């Protein structure tokens, strides 16, 4: 975790990127108008700043926990893809 402390901007961008991925894959139901979309991403940026402060002032492993959550989401997506392939093979 020492390498993250040397680059605070990179760690903030990692937190922001992971939060954006989670929002787009889990909570985004439909395309929003551009102004509402901008407000949502600004709120994500503010939340990422708060999580950044939690990581570096309190010492919570935010990046590692979010990376684990995104990894689990990817595993579920791969599982759905493989299940869909198996279902298509059974239908043929």
PDB file of N, CA and C in Angstrom:
ATOM      1  N   UNK A   1       0.825  -1.190   0.000  1.00  0.00           N
ATOM      2  CA  UNK A   1       0.000   0.000   0.000  1.00  0.00           C
ATOM      3  C   UNK A   1       0.869   1.253   0.000  1.00  0.00           C
ATOM      4  N   UNK A   2       2.133   1.098   0.217  1.00  0.00           N
ATOM      5  CA  UNK A   2       3.011   2.259   0.235  1.00  0.00           C
ATOM      6  C   UNK A   2       3.110   2.924  -1.129  1.00  0.00           C
ATOM      7  N   UNK A   3       3.012   2.148  -2.189  1.00  0.00           N
ATOM      8  CA  UNK A   3       3.115   2.734  -3.526  1.00  0.00           C
ATOM      9  C   UNK A   3       1.918   3.606  -3.851  1.00  0.00           C
ATOM     10  N   UNK A   4       0.777   3.364  -3.205  1.00  0.00           N
ATOM     11  CA  UNK A   4      -0.386   4.223  -3.432  1.00  0.00           C
ATOM     12  C   UNK A   4      -0.225   5.571  -2.752  1.00  0.00           C
ATOM     13  N   UNK A   5       0.440   5.600  -1.638  1.00  0.00           N
ATOM     14  CA  UNK A   5       0.654   6.856  -0.933  1.00  0.00           C
ATOM     15  C   UNK A   5       1.574   7.807  -1.683  1.00  0.00           C
ATOM     16  N   UNK A   6       2.428   7.255  -2.541  1.00  0.00           N
ATOM     17  CA  UNK A   6       3.343   8.092  -3.300  1.00  0.00           C
ATOM     18  C   UNK A   6       2.649   8.789  -4.466  1.00  0.00           C
ATOM     19  N   UNK A   7       1.510   8.274  -4.886  1.00  0.00           N
ATOM     20  CA  UNK A   7       0.786   8.821  -6.030  1.00  0.00           C
ATOM     21  C   UNK A   7      -0.686   9.042  -5.663  1.00  0.00           C
ATOM     22  N   UNK A   8      -1.005  10.096  -4.956  1.00  0.00           N
ATOM     23  CA  UNK A   8      -2.395  10.293  -4.509  1.00  0.00           C
ATOM     24  C   UNK A   8      -3.367  10.536  -5.657  1.00  0.00           C
ATOM     25  N   UNK A   9      -2.931  11.190  -6.731  1.00  0.00           N
ATOM     26  CA  UNK A   9      -3.833  11.430  -7.855  1.00  0.00           C
ATOM     27  C   UNK A   9      -4.195  10.120  -8.556  1.00  0.00           C
ATOM     28  N   UNK A  10      -3.207   9.249  -8.701  1.00  0.00           N
ATOM     29  CA  UNK A  10      -3.473   7.962  -9.340  1.00  0.00           C
ATOM     30  C   UNK A  10      -4.419   7.129  -8.492  1.00  0.00           C
ATOM     31  N   UNK A  11      -4.235   7.138  -7.183  1.00  0.00           N
ATOM     32  CA  UNK A  11      -5.127   6.365  -6.322  1.00  0.00           C
ATOM     33  C   UNK A  11      -6.542   6.942  -6.353  1.00  0.00           C
ATOM     34  N   UNK A  12      -6.667   8.268  -6.411  1.00  0.00           N
ATOM     35  CA  UNK A  12      -7.998   8.874  -6.534  1.00  0.00           C
ATOM     36  C   UNK A  12      -8.645   8.465  -7.849  1.00  0.00           C
ATOM     37  N   UNK A  13      -7.886   8.470  -8.937  1.00  0.00           N
ATOM     38  CA  UNK A  13      -8.434   8.078 -10.236  1.00  0.00           C
ATOM     39  C   UNK A  13      -8.819   6.601 -10.269  1.00  0.00           C
ATOM     40  N   UNK A  14      -8.069   5.764  -9.557  1.00  0.00           N
ATOM     41  CA  UNK A  14      -8.434   4.344  -9.463  1.00  0.00           C
ATOM     42  C   UNK A  14      -9.755   4.198  -8.724  1.00  0.00           C
ATOM     43  N   UNK A  15      -9.916   4.896  -7.608  1.00  0.00           N
ATOM     44  CA  UNK A  15     -11.170   4.839  -6.855  1.00  0.00           C
ATOM     45  C   UNK A  15     -12.324   5.351  -7.716  1.00  0.00           C
ATOM     46  N   UNK A  16     -12.111   6.459  -8.405  1.00  0.00           N
ATOM     47  CA  UNK A  16     -13.159   7.026  -9.266  1.00  0.00           C
ATOM     48  C   UNK A  16     -13.515   6.058 -10.400  1.00  0.00           C
ATOM     49  N   UNK A  17     -12.515   5.455 -11.009  1.00  0.00           N
ATOM     50  CA  UNK A  17     -12.774   4.504 -12.093  1.00  0.00           C
ATOM     51  C   UNK A  17     -13.547   3.281 -11.623  1.00  0.00           C
ATOM     52  N   UNK A  18     -13.186   2.756 -10.466  1.00  0.00           N
ATOM     53  CA  UNK A  18     -13.893   1.593  -9.934  1.00  0.00           C
ATOM     54  C   UNK A  18     -15.339   1.945  -9.558  1.00  0.00           C
ATOM     55  N   UNK A  19     -15.531   3.127  -8.977  1.00  0.00           N
ATOM     56  CA  UNK A  19     -16.894   3.543  -8.634  1.00  0.00           C
ATOM     57  C   UNK A  19     -17.732   3.757  -9.891  1.00  0.00           C
ATOM     58  N   UNK A  20     -17.141   4.312 -10.929  1.00  0.00           N
ATOM     59  CA  UNK A  20     -17.855   4.520 -12.181  1.00  0.00           C
ATOM     60  C   UNK A  20     -18.234   3.187 -12.811  1.00  0.00           C
ATOM     61  N   UNK A  21     -17.335   2.224 -12.762  1.00  0.00           N
ATOM     62  CA  UNK A  21     -17.635   0.900 -13.306  1.00  0.00           C
ATOM     63  C   UNK A  21     -18.801   0.260 -12.559  1.00  0.00           C
ATOM     64  N   UNK A  22     -18.758   0.324 -11.238  1.00  0.00           N
ATOM     65  CA  UNK A  22     -19.845  -0.262 -10.441  1.00  0.00           C
ATOM     66  C   UNK A  22     -21.165   0.430 -10.750  1.00  0.00           C
ATOM     67  N   UNK A  23     -21.149   1.754 -10.863  1.00  0.00           N
ATOM     68  CA  UNK A  23     -22.378   2.474 -11.188  1.00  0.00           C
ATOM     69  C   UNK A  23     -22.916   2.049 -12.553  1.00  0.00           C
ATOM     70  N   UNK A  24     -22.064   1.984 -13.551  1.00  0.00           N
ATOM     71  CA  UNK A  24     -22.522   1.662 -14.902  1.00  0.00           C
ATOM     72  C   UNK A  24     -23.009   0.230 -15.042  1.00  0.00           C
ATOM     73  N   UNK A  25     -22.429  -0.685 -14.319  1.00  0.00           N
ATOM     74  CA  UNK A  25     -22.809  -2.092 -14.465  1.00  0.00           C
ATOM     75  C   UNK A  25     -23.930  -2.520 -13.526  1.00  0.00           C
ATOM     76  N   UNK A  26     -24.115  -1.816 -12.418  1.00  0.00           N
ATOM     77  CA  UNK A  26     -25.102  -2.259 -11.428  1.00  0.00           C
ATOM     78  C   UNK A  26     -26.295  -1.319 -11.343  1.00  0.00           C
ATOM     79  N   UNK A  27     -26.055  -0.044 -11.223  1.00  0.00           N
ATOM     80  CA  UNK A  27     -27.134   0.881 -10.896  1.00  0.00           C
ATOM     81  C   UNK A  27     -27.715   1.629 -12.084  1.00  0.00           C
ATOM     82  N   UNK A  28     -27.035   1.648 -13.195  1.00  0.00           N
ATOM     83  CA  UNK A  28     -27.513   2.398 -14.354  1.00  0.00           C
ATOM     84  C   UNK A  28     -28.558   1.576 -15.097  1.00  0.00           C
ATOM     85  N   UNK A  29     -29.792   2.056 -15.109  1.00  0.00           N
ATOM     86  CA  UNK A  29     -30.884   1.331 -15.741  1.00  0.00           C
ATOM     87  C   UNK A  29     -31.055   1.778 -17.187  1.00  0.00           C
ATOM     88  N   UNK A  30     -30.998   3.069 -17.415  1.00  0.00           N
ATOM     89  CA  UNK A  30     -31.185   3.607 -18.766  1.00  0.00           C
ATOM     90  C   UNK A  30     -30.287   4.828 -18.940  1.00  0.00           C
ATOM     91  N   UNK A  31     -30.195   5.283 -20.166  1.00  0.00           N
ATOM     92  CA  UNK A  31     -29.388   6.471 -20.461  1.00  0.00           C
ATOM     93  C   UNK A  31     -30.087   7.701 -19.918  1.00  0.00           C
ATOM     94  N   UNK A  32     -29.347   8.522 -19.173  1.00  0.00           N
ATOM     95  CA  UNK A  32     -29.891   9.745 -18.598  1.00  0.00           C
ATOM     96  C   UNK A  32     -29.619  10.925 -19.526  1.00  0.00           C
ATOM     97  N   UNK A  33     -30.391  11.995 -19.378  1.00  0.00           N
ATOM     98  CA  UNK A  33     -30.043  13.224 -20.094  1.00  0.00           C
ATOM     99  C   UNK A  33     -28.669  13.729 -19.647  1.00  0.00           C
ATOM    100  N   UNK A  34     -28.040  14.495 -20.497  1.00  0.00           N
ATOM    101  CA  UNK A  34     -26.645  14.881 -20.285  1.00  0.00           C
ATOM    102  C   UNK A  34     -26.429  15.650 -18.975  1.00  0.00           C
ATOM    103  N   UNK A  35     -27.353  16.516 -18.592  1.00  0.00           N
ATOM    104  CA  UNK A  35     -27.179  17.286 -17.361  1.00  0.00           C
ATOM    105  C   UNK A  35     -27.294  16.380 -16.132  1.00  0.00           C
ATOM    106  N   UNK A  36     -28.262  15.480 -16.154  1.00  0.00           N
ATOM    107  CA  UNK A  36     -28.397  14.546 -15.027  1.00  0.00           C
ATOM    108  C   UNK A  36     -27.203  13.601 -14.968  1.00  0.00           C
ATOM    109  N   UNK A  37     -26.720  13.193 -16.141  1.00  0.00           N
ATOM    110  CA  UNK A  37     -25.540  12.343 -16.195  1.00  0.00           C
ATOM    111  C   UNK A  37     -24.333  13.064 -15.593  1.00  0.00           C
ATOM    112  N   UNK A  38     -24.178  14.344 -15.902  1.00  0.00           N
ATOM    113  CA  UNK A  38     -23.090  15.145 -15.347  1.00  0.00           C
ATOM    114  C   UNK A  38     -23.195  15.258 -13.832  1.00  0.00           C
ATOM    115  N   UNK A  39     -24.409  15.452 -13.339  1.00  0.00           N
ATOM    116  CA  UNK A  39     -24.622  15.538 -11.886  1.00  0.00           C
ATOM    117  C   UNK A  39     -24.258  14.219 -11.207  1.00  0.00           C
ATOM    118  N   UNK A  40     -24.660  13.100 -11.824  1.00  0.00           N
ATOM    119  CA  UNK A  40     -24.349  11.786 -11.244  1.00  0.00           C
ATOM    120  C   UNK A  40     -22.836  11.585 -11.170  1.00  0.00           C
ATOM    121  N   UNK A  41     -22.124  11.915 -12.253  1.00  0.00           N
ATOM    122  CA  UNK A  41     -20.681  11.707 -12.246  1.00  0.00           C
ATOM    123  C   UNK A  41     -19.961  12.685 -11.317  1.00  0.00           C
ATOM    124  N   UNK A  42     -20.507  13.871 -11.128  1.00  0.00           N
ATOM    125  CA  UNK A  42     -19.935  14.784 -10.131  1.00  0.00           C
ATOM    126  C   UNK A  42     -20.139  14.248  -8.717  1.00  0.00           C
ATOM    127  N   UNK A  43     -21.296  13.654  -8.465  1.00  0.00           N
ATOM    128  CA  UNK A  43     -21.537  13.042  -7.155  1.00  0.00           C
ATOM    129  C   UNK A  43     -20.626  11.834  -6.939  1.00  0.00           C
ATOM    130  N   UNK A  44     -20.385  11.068  -8.008  1.00  0.00           N
ATOM    131  CA  UNK A  44     -19.443   9.958  -7.899  1.00  0.00           C
ATOM    132  C   UNK A  44     -18.044  10.489  -7.591  1.00  0.00           C
ATOM    133  N   UNK A  45     -17.669  11.599  -8.225  1.00  0.00           N
ATOM    134  CA  UNK A  45     -16.354  12.203  -7.958  1.00  0.00           C
ATOM    135  C   UNK A  45     -16.251  12.659  -6.511  1.00  0.00           C
ATOM    136  N   UNK A  46     -17.323  13.235  -5.975  1.00  0.00           N
ATOM    137  CA  UNK A  46     -17.326  13.651  -4.573  1.00  0.00           C
ATOM    138  C   UNK A  46     -17.231  12.443  -3.645  1.00  0.00           C
ATOM    139  N   UNK A  47     -17.987  11.384  -3.944  1.00  0.00           N
ATOM    140  CA  UNK A  47     -17.915  10.162  -3.152  1.00  0.00           C
ATOM    141  C   UNK A  47     -16.548   9.514  -3.231  1.00  0.00           C
ATOM    142  N   UNK A  48     -15.921   9.576  -4.402  1.00  0.00           N
ATOM    143  CA  UNK A  48     -14.576   9.026  -4.557  1.00  0.00           C
ATOM    144  C   UNK A  48     -13.583   9.814  -3.710  1.00  0.00           C
ATOM    145  N   UNK A  49     -13.785  11.123  -3.606  1.00  0.00           N
ATOM    146  CA  UNK A  49     -12.904  11.937  -2.756  1.00  0.00           C
ATOM    147  C   UNK A  49     -13.065  11.553  -1.290  1.00  0.00           C
ATOM    148  N   UNK A  50     -14.302  11.316  -0.862  1.00  0.00           N
ATOM    149  CA  UNK A  50     -14.525  10.898   0.529  1.00  0.00           C
ATOM    150  C   UNK A  50     -13.870   9.548   0.791  1.00  0.00           C
ATOM    151  N   UNK A  51     -14.030   8.598  -0.138  1.00  0.00           N
ATOM    152  CA  UNK A  51     -13.381   7.301   0.032  1.00  0.00           C
ATOM    153  C   UNK A  51     -11.863   7.429  -0.007  1.00  0.00           C
ATOM    154  N   UNK A  52     -11.361   8.341  -0.820  1.00  0.00           N
ATOM    155  CA  UNK A  52      -9.926   8.615  -0.857  1.00  0.00           C
ATOM    156  C   UNK A  52      -9.443   9.098   0.514  1.00  0.00           C
ATOM    157  N   UNK A  53     -10.217   9.988   1.130  1.00  0.00           N
ATOM    158  CA  UNK A  53      -9.852  10.454   2.466  1.00  0.00           C
ATOM    159  C   UNK A  53      -9.895   9.318   3.481  1.00  0.00           C
ATOM    160  N   UNK A  54     -10.888   8.439   3.378  1.00  0.00           N
ATOM    161  CA  UNK A  54     -10.948   7.287   4.279  1.00  0.00           C
ATOM    162  C   UNK A  54      -9.715   6.405   4.118  1.00  0.00           C
ATOM    163  N   UNK A  55      -9.273   6.234   2.877  1.00  0.00           N
ATOM    164  CA  UNK A  55      -8.126   5.370   2.654  1.00  0.00           C
ATOM    165  C   UNK A  55      -6.852   5.963   3.248  1.00  0.00           C
ATOM    166  N   UNK A  56      -6.654   7.264   3.085  1.00  0.00           N
ATOM    167  CA  UNK A  56      -5.358   7.823   3.462  1.00  0.00           C
ATOM    168  C   UNK A  56      -5.328   8.494   4.826  1.00  0.00           C
ATOM    169  N   UNK A  57      -6.474   8.836   5.389  1.00  0.00           N
ATOM    170  CA  UNK A  57      -6.432   9.396   6.740  1.00  0.00           C
ATOM    171  C   UNK A  57      -6.673   8.329   7.793  1.00  0.00           C
ATOM    172  N   UNK A  58      -7.624   7.455   7.537  1.00  0.00           N
ATOM    173  CA  UNK A  58      -7.944   6.407   8.506  1.00  0.00           C
ATOM    174  C   UNK A  58      -7.155   5.135   8.229  1.00  0.00           C
ATOM    175  N   UNK A  59      -6.836   4.904   6.960  1.00  0.00           N
ATOM    176  CA  UNK A  59      -6.071   3.720   6.605  1.00  0.00           C
ATOM    177  C   UNK A  59      -6.928   2.548   6.164  1.00  0.00           C
ATOM    178  N   UNK A  60      -8.165   2.804   5.772  1.00  0.00           N
ATOM    179  CA  UNK A  60      -9.024   1.725   5.290  1.00  0.00           C
ATOM    180  C   UNK A  60      -8.583   1.268   3.904  1.00  0.00           C
ATOM    181  N   UNK A  61      -8.664  -0.021   3.619  1.00  0.00           N
ATOM    182  CA  UNK A  61      -8.216  -0.521   2.305  1.00  0.00           C
ATOM    183  C   UNK A  61      -9.313  -0.369   1.241  1.00  0.00           C
ATOM    184  N   UNK A  62      -9.628   0.846   0.863  1.00  0.00           N
ATOM    185  CA  UNK A  62     -10.728   1.123  -0.056  1.00  0.00           C
ATOM    186  C   UNK A  62     -10.448   0.553  -1.443  1.00  0.00           C
ATOM    187  N   UNK A  63      -9.268   0.803  -1.981  1.00  0.00           N
ATOM    188  CA  UNK A  63      -8.966   0.350  -3.342  1.00  0.00           C
ATOM    189  C   UNK A  63      -9.010  -1.170  -3.419  1.00  0.00           C
ATOM    190  N   UNK A  64      -8.473  -1.849  -2.429  1.00  0.00           N
ATOM    191  CA  UNK A  64      -8.470  -3.300  -2.443  1.00  0.00           C
ATOM    192  C   UNK A  64      -9.886  -3.865  -2.327  1.00  0.00           C
ATOM    193  N   UNK A  65     -10.716  -3.261  -1.494  1.00  0.00           N
ATOM    194  CA  UNK A  65     -12.091  -3.733  -1.348  1.00  0.00           C
ATOM    195  C   UNK A  65     -12.900  -3.493  -2.616  1.00  0.00           C
ATOM    196  N   UNK A  66     -12.711  -2.342  -3.227  1.00  0.00           N
ATOM    197  CA  UNK A  66     -13.441  -2.063  -4.467  1.00  0.00           C
ATOM    198  C   UNK A  66     -12.940  -2.941  -5.608  1.00  0.00           C
ATOM    199  N   UNK A  67     -11.655  -3.222  -5.632  1.00  0.00           N
ATOM    200  CA  UNK A  67     -11.115  -4.122  -6.650  1.00  0.00           C
ATOM    201  C   UNK A  67     -11.675  -5.537  -6.465  1.00  0.00           C
ATOM    202  N   UNK A  68     -11.843  -5.968  -5.221  1.00  0.00           N
ATOM    203  CA  UNK A  68     -12.442  -7.278  -4.966  1.00  0.00           C
ATOM    204  C   UNK A  68     -13.901  -7.301  -5.422  1.00  0.00           C
ATOM    205  N   UNK A  69     -14.631  -6.214  -5.177  1.00  0.00           N
ATOM    206  CA  UNK A  69     -16.033  -6.150  -5.607  1.00  0.00           C
ATOM    207  C   UNK A  69     -16.135  -6.186  -7.129  1.00  0.00           C
ATOM    208  N   UNK A  70     -15.281  -5.444  -7.816  1.00  0.00           N
ATOM    209  CA  UNK A  70     -15.305  -5.449  -9.283  1.00  0.00           C
ATOM    210  C   UNK A  70     -14.893  -6.821  -9.814  1.00  0.00           C
ATOM    211  N   UNK A  71     -13.944  -7.467  -9.165  1.00  0.00           N
ATOM    212  CA  UNK A  71     -13.545  -8.816  -9.575  1.00  0.00           C
ATOM    213  C   UNK A  71     -14.707  -9.789  -9.449  1.00  0.00           C
ATOM    214  N   UNK A  72     -15.445  -9.701  -8.355  1.00  0.00           N
ATOM    215  CA  UNK A  72     -16.613 -10.571  -8.192  1.00  0.00           C
ATOM    216  C   UNK A  72     -17.683 -10.271  -9.246  1.00  0.00           C
ATOM    217  N   UNK A  73     -17.850  -9.004  -9.587  1.00  0.00           N
ATOM    218  CA  UNK A  73     -18.810  -8.650 -10.635  1.00  0.00           C
ATOM    219  C   UNK A  73     -18.381  -9.239 -11.977  1.00  0.00           C
ATOM    220  N   UNK A  74     -17.091  -9.213 -12.269  1.00  0.00           N
ATOM    221  CA  UNK A  74     -16.597  -9.800 -13.514  1.00  0.00           C
ATOM    222  C   UNK A  74     -16.783 -11.313 -13.533  1.00  0.00           C
ATOM    223  N   UNK A  75     -16.570 -11.956 -12.391  1.00  0.00           N
ATOM    224  CA  UNK A  75     -16.780 -13.400 -12.309  1.00  0.00           C
ATOM    225  C   UNK A  75     -18.238 -13.740 -12.577  1.00  0.00           C
ATOM    226  N   UNK A  76     -19.160 -12.959 -12.036  1.00  0.00           N
ATOM    227  CA  UNK A  76     -20.584 -13.195 -12.274  1.00  0.00           C
ATOM    228  C   UNK A  76     -20.911 -12.992 -13.744  1.00  0.00           C
ATOM    229  N   UNK A  77     -20.359 -11.965 -14.377  1.00  0.00           N
ATOM    230  CA  UNK A  77     -20.612 -11.726 -15.804  1.00  0.00           C
ATOM    231  C   UNK A  77     -20.082 -12.875 -16.658  1.00  0.00           C
ATOM    232  N   UNK A  78     -18.905 -13.399 -16.319  1.00  0.00           N
ATOM    233  CA  UNK A  78     -18.347 -14.540 -17.048  1.00  0.00           C
ATOM    234  C   UNK A  78     -19.231 -15.760 -16.851  1.00  0.00           C
ATOM    235  N   UNK A  79     -19.720 -15.942 -15.636  1.00  0.00           N
ATOM    236  CA  UNK A  79     -20.601 -17.081 -15.354  1.00  0.00           C
ATOM    237  C   UNK A  79     -21.890 -16.986 -16.169  1.00  0.00           C
ATOM    238  N   UNK A  80     -22.495 -15.785 -16.232  1.00  0.00           N
ATOM    239  CA  UNK A  80     -23.699 -15.602 -17.048  1.00  0.00           C
ATOM    240  C   UNK A  80     -23.417 -15.862 -18.517  1.00  0.00           C
ATOM    241  N   UNK A  81     -22.258 -15.449 -19.001  1.00  0.00           N
ATOM    242  CA  UNK A  81     -21.897 -15.670 -20.390  1.00  0.00           C
ATOM    243  C   UNK A  81     -21.774 -17.167 -20.686  1.00  0.00           C
ATOM    244  N   UNK A  82     -21.093 -17.898 -19.816  1.00  0.00           N
ATOM    245  CA  UNK A  82     -20.909 -19.334 -20.015  1.00  0.00           C
ATOM    246  C   UNK A  82     -22.241 -20.066 -19.901  1.00  0.00           C
ATOM    247  N   UNK A  83     -23.081 -19.664 -18.960  1.00  0.00           N
ATOM    248  CA  UNK A  83     -24.405 -20.268 -18.817  1.00  0.00           C
ATOM    249  C   UNK A  83     -25.245 -20.001 -20.061  1.00  0.00           C
ATOM    250  N   UNK A  84     -25.159 -18.802 -20.607  1.00  0.00           N
ATOM    251  CA  UNK A  84     -25.887 -18.481 -21.829  1.00  0.00           C
ATOM    252  C   UNK A  84     -25.424 -19.314 -23.004  1.00  0.00           C
ATOM    253  N   UNK A  85     -24.117 -19.562 -23.110  1.00  0.00           N
ATOM    254  CA  UNK A  85     -23.609 -20.425 -24.171  1.00  0.00           C
ATOM    255  C   UNK A  85     -24.129 -21.845 -24.023  1.00  0.00           C
ATOM    256  N   UNK A  86     -24.136 -22.340 -22.797  1.00  0.00           N
ATOM    257  CA  UNK A  86     -24.631 -23.699 -22.557  1.00  0.00           C
ATOM    258  C   UNK A  86     -26.121 -23.800 -22.885  1.00  0.00           C
ATOM    259  N   UNK A  87     -26.895 -22.779 -22.557  1.00  0.00           N
ATOM    260  CA  UNK A  87     -28.329 -22.787 -22.873  1.00  0.00           C
ATOM    261  C   UNK A  87     -28.561 -22.762 -24.386  1.00  0.00           C
ATOM    262  N   UNK A  88     -27.776 -21.995 -25.100  1.00  0.00           N
ATOM    263  CA  UNK A  88     -27.918 -21.944 -26.558  1.00  0.00           C
ATOM    264  C   UNK A  88     -27.554 -23.276 -27.191  1.00  0.00           C
ATOM    265  N   UNK A  89     -26.567 -23.968 -26.639  1.00  0.00           N
ATOM    266  CA  UNK A  89     -26.198 -25.287 -27.170  1.00  0.00           C
ATOM    267  C   UNK A  89     -27.304 -26.299 -26.924  1.00  0.00           C
ATOM    268  N   UNK A  90     -27.967 -26.207 -25.786  1.00  0.00           N
ATOM    269  CA  UNK A  90     -29.069 -27.128 -25.494  1.00  0.00           C
ATOM    270  C   UNK A  90     -30.266 -26.880 -26.410  1.00  0.00           C
ATOM    271  N   UNK A  91     -30.496 -25.637 -26.789  1.00  0.00           N
ATOM    272  CA  UNK A  91     -31.628 -25.310 -27.643  1.00  0.00           C
ATOM    273  C   UNK A  91     -31.409 -25.786 -29.070  1.00  0.00           C
ATOM    274  N   UNK A  92     -30.178 -25.951 -29.481  1.00  0.00           N
ATOM    275  CA  UNK A  92     -29.911 -26.385 -30.856  1.00  0.00           C
ATOM    276  C   UNK A  92     -30.093 -27.827 -30.978  1.00  0.00           C
TER     277      UNK A  92
END
